[in-house]
C-alpha atoms as a PDB file:
ATOM      1  CA  UNK A   1     -55.709 -95.754  52.618  1.00  0.00           C
ATOM      2  CA  UNK A   2     -51.949 -95.494  52.618  1.00  0.00           C
ATOM      3  CA  UNK A   3     -50.510 -98.119  50.310  1.00  0.00           C
ATOM      4  CA  UNK A   4     -46.893 -97.202  50.876  1.00  0.00           C
ATOM      5  CA  UNK A   5     -44.301 -99.861  51.323  1.00  0.00           C
ATOM      6  CA  UNK A   6     -44.372-101.020  54.935  1.00  0.00           C
ATOM      7  CA  UNK A   7     -42.017-103.148  56.955  1.00  0.00           C
ATOM      8  CA  UNK A   8     -43.403-106.541  57.877  1.00  0.00           C
ATOM      9  CA  UNK A   9     -43.502-105.956  61.670  1.00  0.00           C
ATOM     10  CA  UNK A  10     -45.721-102.876  61.209  1.00  0.00           C
ATOM     11  CA  UNK A  11     -48.047-104.839  58.968  1.00  0.00           C
ATOM     12  CA  UNK A  12     -48.469-107.378  61.754  1.00  0.00           C
ATOM     13  CA  UNK A  13     -50.099-104.762  63.975  1.00  0.00           C
ATOM     14  CA  UNK A  14     -53.268-104.773  61.861  1.00  0.00           C
ATOM     15  CA  UNK A  15     -56.302-107.009  62.275  1.00  0.00           C
ATOM     16  CA  UNK A  16     -56.036-107.733  58.566  1.00  0.00           C
ATOM     17  CA  UNK A  17     -52.916-107.436  56.433  1.00  0.00           C
ATOM     18  CA  UNK A  18     -52.702-107.874  52.677  1.00  0.00           C
ATOM     19  CA  UNK A  19     -49.248-108.858  51.434  1.00  0.00           C
ATOM     20  CA  UNK A  20     -48.730-108.190  47.725  1.00  0.00           C
ATOM     21  CA  UNK A  21     -46.532-111.054  46.602  1.00  0.00           C
ATOM     22  CA  UNK A  22     -44.265-110.688  43.545  1.00  0.00           C
ATOM     23  CA  UNK A  23     -43.717-113.553  41.144  1.00  0.00           C
ATOM     24  CA  UNK A  24     -41.150-116.140  42.103  1.00  0.00           C
ATOM     25  CA  UNK A  25     -42.188-116.170  45.768  1.00  0.00           C
ATOM     26  CA  UNK A  26     -43.519-119.393  47.289  1.00  0.00           C
ATOM     27  CA  UNK A  27     -46.693-118.187  48.955  1.00  0.00           C
ATOM     28  CA  UNK A  28     -46.963-121.020  51.460  1.00  0.00           C
ATOM     29  CA  UNK A  29     -43.434-120.520  52.780  1.00  0.00           C
ATOM     30  CA  UNK A  30     -43.699-116.732  52.727  1.00  0.00           C
ATOM     31  CA  UNK A  31     -47.113-116.686  54.378  1.00  0.00           C
ATOM     32  CA  UNK A  32     -45.996-118.945  57.195  1.00  0.00           C
ATOM     33  CA  UNK A  33     -42.850-116.878  57.738  1.00  0.00           C
ATOM     34  CA  UNK A  34     -45.036-113.761  58.075  1.00  0.00           C
ATOM     35  CA  UNK A  35     -47.408-115.550  60.450  1.00  0.00           C
ATOM     36  CA  UNK A  36     -44.701-117.005  62.696  1.00  0.00           C
ATOM     37  CA  UNK A  37     -43.834-113.797  64.643  1.00  0.00           C
ATOM     38  CA  UNK A  38     -47.529-113.125  65.127  1.00  0.00           C
ATOM     39  CA  UNK A  39     -48.177-116.468  66.754  1.00  0.00           C
ATOM     40  CA  UNK A  40     -45.020-117.849  68.290  1.00  0.00           C
ATOM     41  CA  UNK A  41     -43.507-117.018  71.646  1.00  0.00           C
ATOM     42  CA  UNK A  42     -40.491-119.309  71.223  1.00  0.00           C
ATOM     43  CA  UNK A  43     -38.256-120.539  68.426  1.00  0.00           C
ATOM     44  CA  UNK A  44     -39.783-124.004  68.819  1.00  0.00           C
ATOM     45  CA  UNK A  45     -43.233-122.548  68.192  1.00  0.00           C
ATOM     46  CA  UNK A  46     -41.931-120.660  65.177  1.00  0.00           C
ATOM     47  CA  UNK A  47     -40.779-123.939  63.655  1.00  0.00           C
ATOM     48  CA  UNK A  48     -44.257-125.384  64.141  1.00  0.00           C
ATOM     49  CA  UNK A  49     -45.732-122.416  62.252  1.00  0.00           C
ATOM     50  CA  UNK A  50     -43.185-122.722  59.448  1.00  0.00           C
ATOM     51  CA  UNK A  51     -44.114-126.395  59.095  1.00  0.00           C
ATOM     52  CA  UNK A  52     -47.790-125.529  59.068  1.00  0.00           C
ATOM     53  CA  UNK A  53     -48.686-127.575  62.145  1.00  0.00           C
ATOM     54  CA  UNK A  54     -49.051-124.967  64.892  1.00  0.00           C
ATOM     55  CA  UNK A  55     -52.517-125.255  66.514  1.00  0.00           C
ATOM     56  CA  UNK A  56     -53.085-121.485  66.271  1.00  0.00           C
ATOM     57  CA  UNK A  57     -52.341-121.290  62.538  1.00  0.00           C
ATOM     58  CA  UNK A  58     -55.462-121.566  60.381  1.00  0.00           C
ATOM     59  CA  UNK A  59     -54.621-121.962  56.694  1.00  0.00           C
ATOM     60  CA  UNK A  60     -57.551-121.207  54.427  1.00  0.00           C
ATOM     61  CA  UNK A  61     -57.099-122.683  50.947  1.00  0.00           C
ATOM     62  CA  UNK A  62     -59.243-124.185  48.174  1.00  0.00           C
ATOM     63  CA  UNK A  63     -60.188-127.818  48.923  1.00  0.00           C
ATOM     64  CA  UNK A  64     -58.446-130.543  46.856  1.00  0.00           C
ATOM     65  CA  UNK A  65     -59.572-130.430  43.251  1.00  0.00           C
ATOM     66  CA  UNK A  66     -61.148-126.963  43.584  1.00  0.00           C
ATOM     67  CA  UNK A  67     -59.890-123.504  42.604  1.00  0.00           C
ATOM     68  CA  UNK A  68     -62.006-121.379  44.942  1.00  0.00           C
ATOM     69  CA  UNK A  69     -62.536-120.882  48.672  1.00  0.00           C
ATOM     70  CA  UNK A  70     -66.223-121.042  49.560  1.00  0.00           C
ATOM     71  CA  UNK A  71     -68.295-119.445  52.286  1.00  0.00           C
ATOM     72  CA  UNK A  72     -68.413-122.622  54.408  1.00  0.00           C
ATOM     73  CA  UNK A  73     -64.620-122.518  54.842  1.00  0.00           C
ATOM     74  CA  UNK A  74     -64.818-118.895  56.020  1.00  0.00           C
ATOM     75  CA  UNK A  75     -67.608-119.763  58.434  1.00  0.00           C
ATOM     76  CA  UNK A  76     -65.407-122.478  59.941  1.00  0.00           C
ATOM     77  CA  UNK A  77     -62.642-119.908  60.479  1.00  0.00           C
ATOM     78  CA  UNK A  78     -65.165-117.633  62.192  1.00  0.00           C
ATOM     79  CA  UNK A  79     -66.171-120.511  64.469  1.00  0.00           C
ATOM     80  CA  UNK A  80     -62.556-121.306  65.367  1.00  0.00           C
ATOM     81  CA  UNK A  81     -61.837-117.636  65.961  1.00  0.00           C
ATOM     82  CA  UNK A  82     -64.286-117.520  68.852  1.00  0.00           C
ATOM     83  CA  UNK A  83     -61.950-119.692  70.940  1.00  0.00           C
ATOM     84  CA  UNK A  84     -58.824-118.459  72.699  1.00  0.00           C
ATOM     85  CA  UNK A  85     -55.396-119.348  71.254  1.00  0.00           C
ATOM     86  CA  UNK A  86     -54.205-122.803  72.256  1.00  0.00           C
ATOM     87  CA  UNK A  87     -50.597-121.830  72.999  1.00  0.00           C
ATOM     88  CA  UNK A  88     -49.592-118.848  70.877  1.00  0.00           C
ATOM     89  CA  UNK A  89     -50.035-115.096  71.253  1.00  0.00           C
ATOM     90  CA  UNK A  90     -53.005-115.117  68.911  1.00  0.00           C
ATOM     91  CA  UNK A  91     -54.632-117.095  66.146  1.00  0.00           C
ATOM     92  CA  UNK A  92     -53.728-116.263  62.558  1.00  0.00           C
ATOM     93  CA  UNK A  93     -55.905-117.057  59.555  1.00  0.00           C
ATOM     94  CA  UNK A  94     -53.499-117.311  56.622  1.00  0.00           C
ATOM     95  CA  UNK A  95     -55.072-117.081  53.148  1.00  0.00           C
ATOM     96  CA  UNK A  96     -52.198-117.680  50.726  1.00  0.00           C
ATOM     97  CA  UNK A  97     -54.376-117.207  47.644  1.00  0.00           C
ATOM     98  CA  UNK A  98     -56.861-114.539  48.654  1.00  0.00           C
ATOM     99  CA  UNK A  99     -57.931-114.079  45.044  1.00  0.00           C
ATOM    100  CA  UNK A 100     -59.505-117.561  45.287  1.00  0.00           C
ATOM    101  CA  UNK A 101     -62.223-116.334  47.675  1.00  0.00           C
ATOM    102  CA  UNK A 102     -65.677-116.466  46.111  1.00  0.00           C
ATOM    103  CA  UNK A 103     -67.782-113.326  46.361  1.00  0.00           C
ATOM    104  CA  UNK A 104     -69.905-114.953  49.092  1.00  0.00           C
ATOM    105  CA  UNK A 105     -66.793-115.996  51.014  1.00  0.00           C
ATOM    106  CA  UNK A 106     -65.245-112.536  50.655  1.00  0.00           C
ATOM    107  CA  UNK A 107     -68.395-110.883  51.960  1.00  0.00           C
ATOM    108  CA  UNK A 108     -68.467-113.263  54.930  1.00  0.00           C
ATOM    109  CA  UNK A 109     -64.836-112.401  55.643  1.00  0.00           C
ATOM    110  CA  UNK A 110     -65.691-108.715  55.424  1.00  0.00           C
ATOM    111  CA  UNK A 111     -68.256-109.079  58.206  1.00  0.00           C
ATOM    112  CA  UNK A 112     -65.598-110.618  60.460  1.00  0.00           C
ATOM    113  CA  UNK A 113     -63.190-107.773  59.727  1.00  0.00           C
ATOM    114  CA  UNK A 114     -65.841-105.271  60.758  1.00  0.00           C
ATOM    115  CA  UNK A 115     -66.118-106.886  64.220  1.00  0.00           C
ATOM    116  CA  UNK A 116     -63.048-109.136  64.572  1.00  0.00           C
ATOM    117  CA  UNK A 117     -62.489-111.535  67.472  1.00  0.00           C
ATOM    118  CA  UNK A 118     -59.894-110.050  69.827  1.00  0.00           C
ATOM    119  CA  UNK A 119     -57.263-112.756  69.364  1.00  0.00           C
ATOM    120  CA  UNK A 120     -57.721-113.497  65.655  1.00  0.00           C
ATOM    121  CA  UNK A 121     -55.882-111.696  62.834  1.00  0.00           C
ATOM    122  CA  UNK A 122     -56.003-112.257  59.099  1.00  0.00           C
ATOM    123  CA  UNK A 123     -53.058-112.447  56.720  1.00  0.00           C
ATOM    124  CA  UNK A 124     -53.974-112.367  53.028  1.00  0.00           C
ATOM    125  CA  UNK A 125     -51.594-112.893  50.112  1.00  0.00           C
ATOM    126  CA  UNK A 126     -52.309-111.763  46.543  1.00  0.00           C
ATOM    127  CA  UNK A 127     -50.464-110.476  43.507  1.00  0.00           C
ATOM    128  CA  UNK A 128     -52.455-107.262  43.019  1.00  0.00           C
ATOM    129  CA  UNK A 129     -54.780-105.103  45.069  1.00  0.00           C
ATOM    130  CA  UNK A 130     -57.286-105.539  42.254  1.00  0.00           C
ATOM    131  CA  UNK A 131     -57.574-109.218  43.188  1.00  0.00           C
ATOM    132  CA  UNK A 132     -59.264-108.274  46.474  1.00  0.00           C
ATOM    133  CA  UNK A 133     -62.769-107.018  47.215  1.00  0.00           C
ATOM    134  CA  UNK A 134     -62.379-103.220  47.639  1.00  0.00           C
ATOM    135  CA  UNK A 135     -64.210-103.243  50.978  1.00  0.00           C
ATOM    136  CA  UNK A 136     -61.780-105.851  52.326  1.00  0.00           C
ATOM    137  CA  UNK A 137     -58.874-103.863  50.921  1.00  0.00           C
ATOM    138  CA  UNK A 138     -60.059-100.746  52.751  1.00  0.00           C
ATOM    139  CA  UNK A 139     -59.921-102.639  56.064  1.00  0.00           C
ATOM    140  CA  UNK A 140     -56.495-104.155  55.484  1.00  0.00           C
ATOM    141  CA  UNK A 141     -52.978-102.864  55.954  1.00  0.00           C
ATOM    142  CA  UNK A 142     -51.204-103.298  52.610  1.00  0.00           C
ATOM    143  CA  UNK A 143     -47.623-104.561  52.491  1.00  0.00           C
ATOM    144  CA  UNK A 144     -45.709-104.666  49.209  1.00  0.00           C
ATOM    145  CA  UNK A 145     -43.178-107.459  49.588  1.00  0.00           C
ATOM    146  CA  UNK A 146     -39.815-107.067  47.909  1.00  0.00           C
ATOM    147  CA  UNK A 147     -39.272-109.391  44.950  1.00  0.00           C
ATOM    148  CA  UNK A 148     -36.732-112.183  45.362  1.00  0.00           C
ATOM    149  CA  UNK A 149     -33.228-111.304  44.275  1.00  0.00           C
ATOM    150  CA  UNK A 150     -33.089-112.219  40.562  1.00  0.00           C
ATOM    151  CA  UNK A 151     -29.571-113.557  40.945  1.00  0.00           C
ATOM    152  CA  UNK A 152     -30.833-116.122  43.449  1.00  0.00           C
ATOM    153  CA  UNK A 153     -33.533-117.310  41.068  1.00  0.00           C
ATOM    154  CA  UNK A 154     -31.099-117.279  38.156  1.00  0.00           C
ATOM    155  CA  UNK A 155     -28.658-119.408  40.147  1.00  0.00           C
ATOM    156  CA  UNK A 156     -31.409-121.935  40.881  1.00  0.00           C
ATOM    157  CA  UNK A 157     -32.328-122.152  37.186  1.00  0.00           C
ATOM    158  CA  UNK A 158     -28.691-122.639  36.204  1.00  0.00           C
ATOM    159  CA  UNK A 159     -28.391-125.392  38.819  1.00  0.00           C
ATOM    160  CA  UNK A 160     -31.263-127.223  37.109  1.00  0.00           C
ATOM    161  CA  UNK A 161     -29.334-127.138  33.823  1.00  0.00           C
ATOM    162  CA  UNK A 162     -30.390-123.971  31.985  1.00  0.00           C
ATOM    163  CA  UNK A 163     -27.813-121.655  30.494  1.00  0.00           C
ATOM    164  CA  UNK A 164     -27.548-118.144  31.900  1.00  0.00           C
ATOM    165  CA  UNK A 165     -29.274-116.749  28.796  1.00  0.00           C
ATOM    166  CA  UNK A 166     -32.132-119.244  29.123  1.00  0.00           C
ATOM    167  CA  UNK A 167     -32.514-118.418  32.799  1.00  0.00           C
ATOM    168  CA  UNK A 168     -32.771-114.692  32.065  1.00  0.00           C
ATOM    169  CA  UNK A 169     -35.364-115.412  29.402  1.00  0.00           C
ATOM    170  CA  UNK A 170     -37.499-117.437  31.813  1.00  0.00           C
ATOM    171  CA  UNK A 171     -37.283-114.752  34.495  1.00  0.00           C
ATOM    172  CA  UNK A 172     -38.514-112.295  31.893  1.00  0.00           C
ATOM    173  CA  UNK A 173     -41.608-114.199  30.795  1.00  0.00           C
ATOM    174  CA  UNK A 174     -42.964-115.996  33.870  1.00  0.00           C
ATOM    175  CA  UNK A 175     -45.590-114.109  35.863  1.00  0.00           C
ATOM    176  CA  UNK A 176     -46.581-116.419  38.700  1.00  0.00           C
ATOM    177  CA  UNK A 177     -44.673-118.464  41.238  1.00  0.00           C
ATOM    178  CA  UNK A 178     -46.377-121.623  39.985  1.00  0.00           C
ATOM    179  CA  UNK A 179     -45.061-120.961  36.476  1.00  0.00           C
ATOM    180  CA  UNK A 180     -41.507-120.559  37.698  1.00  0.00           C
ATOM    181  CA  UNK A 181     -41.653-123.624  39.972  1.00  0.00           C
ATOM    182  CA  UNK A 182     -42.206-125.785  36.894  1.00  0.00           C
ATOM    183  CA  UNK A 183     -38.875-124.705  35.410  1.00  0.00           C
ATOM    184  CA  UNK A 184     -37.053-124.827  38.745  1.00  0.00           C
ATOM    185  CA  UNK A 185     -37.998-128.476  39.080  1.00  0.00           C
ATOM    186  CA  UNK A 186     -37.134-129.920  35.658  1.00  0.00           C
ATOM    187  CA  UNK A 187     -34.957-128.818  32.737  1.00  0.00           C
ATOM    188  CA  UNK A 188     -37.237-128.126  29.762  1.00  0.00           C
ATOM    189  CA  UNK A 189     -36.329-127.910  26.064  1.00  0.00           C
ATOM    190  CA  UNK A 190     -36.952-124.191  25.623  1.00  0.00           C
ATOM    191  CA  UNK A 191     -36.108-124.142  21.918  1.00  0.00           C
ATOM    192  CA  UNK A 192     -38.720-126.779  21.137  1.00  0.00           C
ATOM    193  CA  UNK A 193     -41.263-125.109  23.403  1.00  0.00           C
ATOM    194  CA  UNK A 194     -40.749-121.726  21.753  1.00  0.00           C
ATOM    195  CA  UNK A 195     -40.998-123.183  18.244  1.00  0.00           C
ATOM    196  CA  UNK A 196     -44.231-125.001  19.013  1.00  0.00           C
ATOM    197  CA  UNK A 197     -45.742-121.961  20.738  1.00  0.00           C
ATOM    198  CA  UNK A 198     -44.772-119.666  17.854  1.00  0.00           C
ATOM    199  CA  UNK A 199     -46.381-121.970  15.281  1.00  0.00           C
ATOM    200  CA  UNK A 200     -49.566-122.210  17.338  1.00  0.00           C
ATOM    201  CA  UNK A 201     -49.809-118.436  17.757  1.00  0.00           C
ATOM    202  CA  UNK A 202     -49.099-117.685  14.099  1.00  0.00           C
ATOM    203  CA  UNK A 203     -51.798-120.072  12.876  1.00  0.00           C
ATOM    204  CA  UNK A 204     -54.404-118.921  15.410  1.00  0.00           C
ATOM    205  CA  UNK A 205     -57.755-117.377  14.594  1.00  0.00           C
ATOM    206  CA  UNK A 206     -58.745-114.254  16.519  1.00  0.00           C
ATOM    207  CA  UNK A 207     -60.594-116.372  19.086  1.00  0.00           C
ATOM    208  CA  UNK A 208     -57.778-118.870  19.582  1.00  0.00           C
ATOM    209  CA  UNK A 209     -55.164-116.105  19.647  1.00  0.00           C
ATOM    210  CA  UNK A 210     -57.030-114.479  22.532  1.00  0.00           C
ATOM    211  CA  UNK A 211     -56.896-117.843  24.315  1.00  0.00           C
ATOM    212  CA  UNK A 212     -53.095-117.951  23.974  1.00  0.00           C
ATOM    213  CA  UNK A 213     -52.844-114.479  25.538  1.00  0.00           C
ATOM    214  CA  UNK A 214     -54.419-115.691  28.790  1.00  0.00           C
ATOM    215  CA  UNK A 215     -52.984-119.227  28.774  1.00  0.00           C
ATOM    216  CA  UNK A 216     -51.215-120.724  31.782  1.00  0.00           C
ATOM    217  CA  UNK A 217     -48.114-121.380  29.652  1.00  0.00           C
ATOM    218  CA  UNK A 218     -45.865-118.272  29.844  1.00  0.00           C
ATOM    219  CA  UNK A 219     -44.005-119.146  26.636  1.00  0.00           C
ATOM    220  CA  UNK A 220     -47.247-119.514  24.682  1.00  0.00           C
ATOM    221  CA  UNK A 221     -48.429-116.191  26.099  1.00  0.00           C
ATOM    222  CA  UNK A 222     -45.200-114.489  25.029  1.00  0.00           C
ATOM    223  CA  UNK A 223     -45.464-115.794  21.475  1.00  0.00           C
ATOM    224  CA  UNK A 224     -49.140-114.860  21.363  1.00  0.00           C
ATOM    225  CA  UNK A 225     -48.397-111.289  22.424  1.00  0.00           C
ATOM    226  CA  UNK A 226     -45.764-110.991  19.702  1.00  0.00           C
ATOM    227  CA  UNK A 227     -48.284-112.086  17.079  1.00  0.00           C
ATOM    228  CA  UNK A 228     -50.896-109.743  18.571  1.00  0.00           C
ATOM    229  CA  UNK A 229     -48.601-106.703  18.413  1.00  0.00           C
ATOM    230  CA  UNK A 230     -47.439-107.534  14.897  1.00  0.00           C
ATOM    231  CA  UNK A 231     -50.986-107.870  13.595  1.00  0.00           C
ATOM    232  CA  UNK A 232     -52.161-104.723  15.361  1.00  0.00           C
ATOM    233  CA  UNK A 233     -49.151-102.769  14.076  1.00  0.00           C
ATOM    234  CA  UNK A 234     -50.107-103.911  10.579  1.00  0.00           C
ATOM    235  CA  UNK A 235     -53.535-102.322  11.029  1.00  0.00           C
ATOM    236  CA  UNK A 236     -55.693-105.368  11.869  1.00  0.00           C
ATOM    237  CA  UNK A 237     -58.931-103.623  12.888  1.00  0.00           C
ATOM    238  CA  UNK A 238     -60.898-106.854  13.329  1.00  0.00           C
ATOM    239  CA  UNK A 239     -58.372-108.124  15.845  1.00  0.00           C
ATOM    240  CA  UNK A 240     -58.594-104.901  17.862  1.00  0.00           C
ATOM    241  CA  UNK A 241     -62.387-104.919  18.053  1.00  0.00           C
ATOM    242  CA  UNK A 242     -63.081-108.658  18.341  1.00  0.00           C
ATOM    243  CA  UNK A 243     -60.132-109.249  20.631  1.00  0.00           C
ATOM    244  CA  UNK A 244     -61.313-106.500  22.969  1.00  0.00           C
ATOM    245  CA  UNK A 245     -64.803-107.981  23.120  1.00  0.00           C
ATOM    246  CA  UNK A 246     -63.444-111.440  24.003  1.00  0.00           C
ATOM    247  CA  UNK A 247     -60.902-110.309  26.577  1.00  0.00           C
ATOM    248  CA  UNK A 248     -63.350-107.944  28.275  1.00  0.00           C
ATOM    249  CA  UNK A 249     -65.177-111.059  29.526  1.00  0.00           C
ATOM    250  CA  UNK A 250     -62.087-112.421  31.271  1.00  0.00           C
ATOM    251  CA  UNK A 251     -61.077-111.982  34.898  1.00  0.00           C
ATOM    252  CA  UNK A 252     -59.081-108.871  35.747  1.00  0.00           C
ATOM    253  CA  UNK A 253     -56.217-111.055  36.950  1.00  0.00           C
ATOM    254  CA  UNK A 254     -55.874-112.527  33.447  1.00  0.00           C
ATOM    255  CA  UNK A 255     -55.932-109.103  31.809  1.00  0.00           C
ATOM    256  CA  UNK A 256     -53.387-107.781  34.335  1.00  0.00           C
ATOM    257  CA  UNK A 257     -51.036-110.629  33.367  1.00  0.00           C
ATOM    258  CA  UNK A 258     -51.564-109.847  29.673  1.00  0.00           C
ATOM    259  CA  UNK A 259     -50.578-106.234  30.288  1.00  0.00           C
ATOM    260  CA  UNK A 260     -47.361-107.340  31.992  1.00  0.00           C
ATOM    261  CA  UNK A 261     -46.608-109.548  28.987  1.00  0.00           C
ATOM    262  CA  UNK A 262     -47.314-106.654  26.599  1.00  0.00           C
ATOM    263  CA  UNK A 263     -44.816-104.470  28.399  1.00  0.00           C
ATOM    264  CA  UNK A 264     -42.177-107.217  28.410  1.00  0.00           C
ATOM    265  CA  UNK A 265     -42.555-107.826  24.672  1.00  0.00           C
ATOM    266  CA  UNK A 266     -42.511-104.096  23.927  1.00  0.00           C
ATOM    267  CA  UNK A 267     -39.190-103.668  25.708  1.00  0.00           C
ATOM    268  CA  UNK A 268     -37.838-106.700  23.860  1.00  0.00           C
ATOM    269  CA  UNK A 269     -38.778-104.931  20.627  1.00  0.00           C
ATOM    270  CA  UNK A 270     -36.763-101.917  21.781  1.00  0.00           C
ATOM    271  CA  UNK A 271     -33.796-104.146  22.515  1.00  0.00           C
ATOM    272  CA  UNK A 272     -34.362-105.764  19.107  1.00  0.00           C
ATOM    273  CA  UNK A 273     -33.307-109.178  20.411  1.00  0.00           C
ATOM    274  CA  UNK A 274     -34.419-111.850  22.824  1.00  0.00           C
ATOM    275  CA  UNK A 275     -32.557-112.534  26.070  1.00  0.00           C
ATOM    276  CA  UNK A 276     -31.501-115.905  24.614  1.00  0.00           C
ATOM    277  CA  UNK A 277     -29.617-116.437  21.341  1.00  0.00           C
ATOM    278  CA  UNK A 278     -32.690-117.365  19.348  1.00  0.00           C
ATOM    279  CA  UNK A 279     -33.692-115.841  16.034  1.00  0.00           C
ATOM    280  CA  UNK A 280     -37.310-114.730  16.010  1.00  0.00           C
ATOM    281  CA  UNK A 281     -38.700-113.532  12.700  1.00  0.00           C
ATOM    282  CA  UNK A 282     -41.718-111.722  14.190  1.00  0.00           C
ATOM    283  CA  UNK A 283     -39.667-109.877  16.778  1.00  0.00           C
ATOM    284  CA  UNK A 284     -37.094-108.883  14.167  1.00  0.00           C
ATOM    285  CA  UNK A 285     -39.820-107.597  11.854  1.00  0.00           C
ATOM    286  CA  UNK A 286     -41.358-105.540  14.650  1.00  0.00           C
ATOM    287  CA  UNK A 287     -37.983-104.124  15.647  1.00  0.00           C
ATOM    288  CA  UNK A 288     -37.214-103.104  12.072  1.00  0.00           C
ATOM    289  CA  UNK A 289     -40.644-101.731  11.268  1.00  0.00           C
ATOM    290  CA  UNK A 290     -41.369 -99.457  14.226  1.00  0.00           C
ATOM    291  CA  UNK A 291     -39.696 -96.440  15.770  1.00  0.00           C
ATOM    292  CA  UNK A 292     -38.231 -96.666  19.247  1.00  0.00           C
ATOM    293  CA  UNK A 293     -40.077 -93.578  20.451  1.00  0.00           C
ATOM    294  CA  UNK A 294     -43.400 -95.099  19.361  1.00  0.00           C
ATOM    295  CA  UNK A 295     -42.699 -98.295  21.300  1.00  0.00           C
ATOM    296  CA  UNK A 296     -41.718 -96.361  24.398  1.00  0.00           C
ATOM    297  CA  UNK A 297     -44.917 -94.344  24.107  1.00  0.00           C
ATOM    298  CA  UNK A 298     -46.833 -97.622  23.892  1.00  0.00           C
ATOM    299  CA  UNK A 299     -45.078 -98.842  27.062  1.00  0.00           C
ATOM    300  CA  UNK A 300     -46.371 -95.743  28.846  1.00  0.00           C
ATOM    301  CA  UNK A 301     -49.882 -96.568  27.627  1.00  0.00           C
ATOM    302  CA  UNK A 302     -49.510-100.100  28.992  1.00  0.00           C
ATOM    303  CA  UNK A 303     -48.589 -98.688  32.403  1.00  0.00           C
ATOM    304  CA  UNK A 304     -51.647 -96.428  32.331  1.00  0.00           C
ATOM    305  CA  UNK A 305     -53.769 -99.427  31.395  1.00  0.00           C
ATOM    306  CA  UNK A 306     -52.380-101.375  34.353  1.00  0.00           C
ATOM    307  CA  UNK A 307     -53.391 -98.566  36.700  1.00  0.00           C
ATOM    308  CA  UNK A 308     -56.835 -98.419  35.116  1.00  0.00           C
ATOM    309  CA  UNK A 309     -57.368-102.171  35.512  1.00  0.00           C
ATOM    310  CA  UNK A 310     -56.340-101.987  39.159  1.00  0.00           C
ATOM    311  CA  UNK A 311     -58.732 -99.072  39.567  1.00  0.00           C
ATOM    312  CA  UNK A 312     -61.663-101.059  38.202  1.00  0.00           C
ATOM    313  CA  UNK A 313     -62.102 -99.116  34.959  1.00  0.00           C
ATOM    314  CA  UNK A 314     -64.184-101.272  32.534  1.00  0.00           C
ATOM    315  CA  UNK A 315     -61.881-103.736  30.779  1.00  0.00           C
ATOM    316  CA  UNK A 316     -63.359-103.091  27.344  1.00  0.00           C
ATOM    317  CA  UNK A 317     -62.516 -99.396  27.492  1.00  0.00           C
ATOM    318  CA  UNK A 318     -58.968-100.109  28.676  1.00  0.00           C
ATOM    319  CA  UNK A 319     -58.224-102.728  26.027  1.00  0.00           C
ATOM    320  CA  UNK A 320     -59.698-100.987  22.978  1.00  0.00           C
ATOM    321  CA  UNK A 321     -57.724 -97.847  23.773  1.00  0.00           C
ATOM    322  CA  UNK A 322     -54.512 -99.835  24.157  1.00  0.00           C
ATOM    323  CA  UNK A 323     -55.069-101.929  21.026  1.00  0.00           C
ATOM    324  CA  UNK A 324     -55.737 -98.824  18.954  1.00  0.00           C
ATOM    325  CA  UNK A 325     -52.512 -97.337  20.305  1.00  0.00           C
ATOM    326  CA  UNK A 326     -50.665-100.490  19.178  1.00  0.00           C
ATOM    327  CA  UNK A 327     -51.989 -99.968  15.649  1.00  0.00           C
ATOM    328  CA  UNK A 328     -50.026 -96.708  15.540  1.00  0.00           C
ATOM    329  CA  UNK A 329     -46.690 -98.413  16.207  1.00  0.00           C
ATOM    330  CA  UNK A 330     -45.815 -98.230  12.504  1.00  0.00           C
ATOM    331  CA  UNK A 331     -47.583 -94.933  11.820  1.00  0.00           C
ATOM    332  CA  UNK A 332     -45.317 -92.665  13.854  1.00  0.00           C
END
C-alpha cells in the first residue's frame, strides 16, 4: 500500500483513513476538523461537527475511567451505520485514539471495513502505523499529517511563562500531545523537575531504570535515557541483557517512544549541551568520553531500530542489537 504523504481531501475519498498524528496535535480538534468536510453540507453543519454534536458524527473513545475501546462499542457503531445519515452527506466514525482498540474490537472493525455500509466512513488517528492491526492498515488510506509549526508551540509555552530556552527544551523531550498539554496549561519548575528526575534515574536498579524509560513523564524518561546510555557506554553487560528482557515485554508504542528519546539524547550528546542553560554532569561526561562519529553511527542504528519496530520485528532482537551498539560508544 502506498504510504506517501497525501492531501487531506484525497484521504477523505477512502472508506477508512488512518491519519498519523505528530506530537503536539490535539487529536479531538484535529479529528473533528478532518471529519467536518466529510459530513457537512453547510458552514453551520461544519460548526456542529467541530463542536462534536453533529448527529452524523460518531466518536468512538474509551469509556470514562478506561484506557481501551471494547468490542461492544464497535458493535454499536456497526448498528448505527446501518441507518442513513440524519442530515449530512454521510456518517463518520471518528476514532481519535485508534491504538486503544482491543484486539477483539479491532477484528470487529476489520469485518466492517471488508463490507462497509454505503454511507459510513471511518477516520482513525494514531501516532504510528505500528499502533494499528496490519489488516486494518492494509484497508486504510494513510495520511501523514504535518507537525504543528514549532514556533507556534514555542510561542504558547512562552505565553505560559517559560523562557525561550525552556520552551525549546520541552519541545525536544515531549512525545505525545497529552504530555505537552500539561506544560501549556501551567508553568512548571523545570529545574526542580530535572533535578528530581536525575536523582531518581541515577539511583535506579536495572528494573526501576527500565520503568523510567517508559514512564509517562517526559523529563524522567529523558534523564533515564541519559543514565542508560552512560552505563551502556561504560560496558554494563547486565543492563544490556536484563534491560532487553524487561523491555521486550512492553507494548511497541512504549518502545517506539523510547527510541525517539534515545535519538534525542544522542543528538544532545553531539551538541554537548542541553537546549536550556543547565549543567548536566552525565551529559557532559558522555560528550567528553565519546567520539562524534560513533554517536552519529548510533543515531543511524536507532533509526533502523525504529523501522524494525514498525515492521513488527521481535522487540528483543531490536533492543539487544541497539544496546550492544551503545556499548561501543566509547570503543571507537
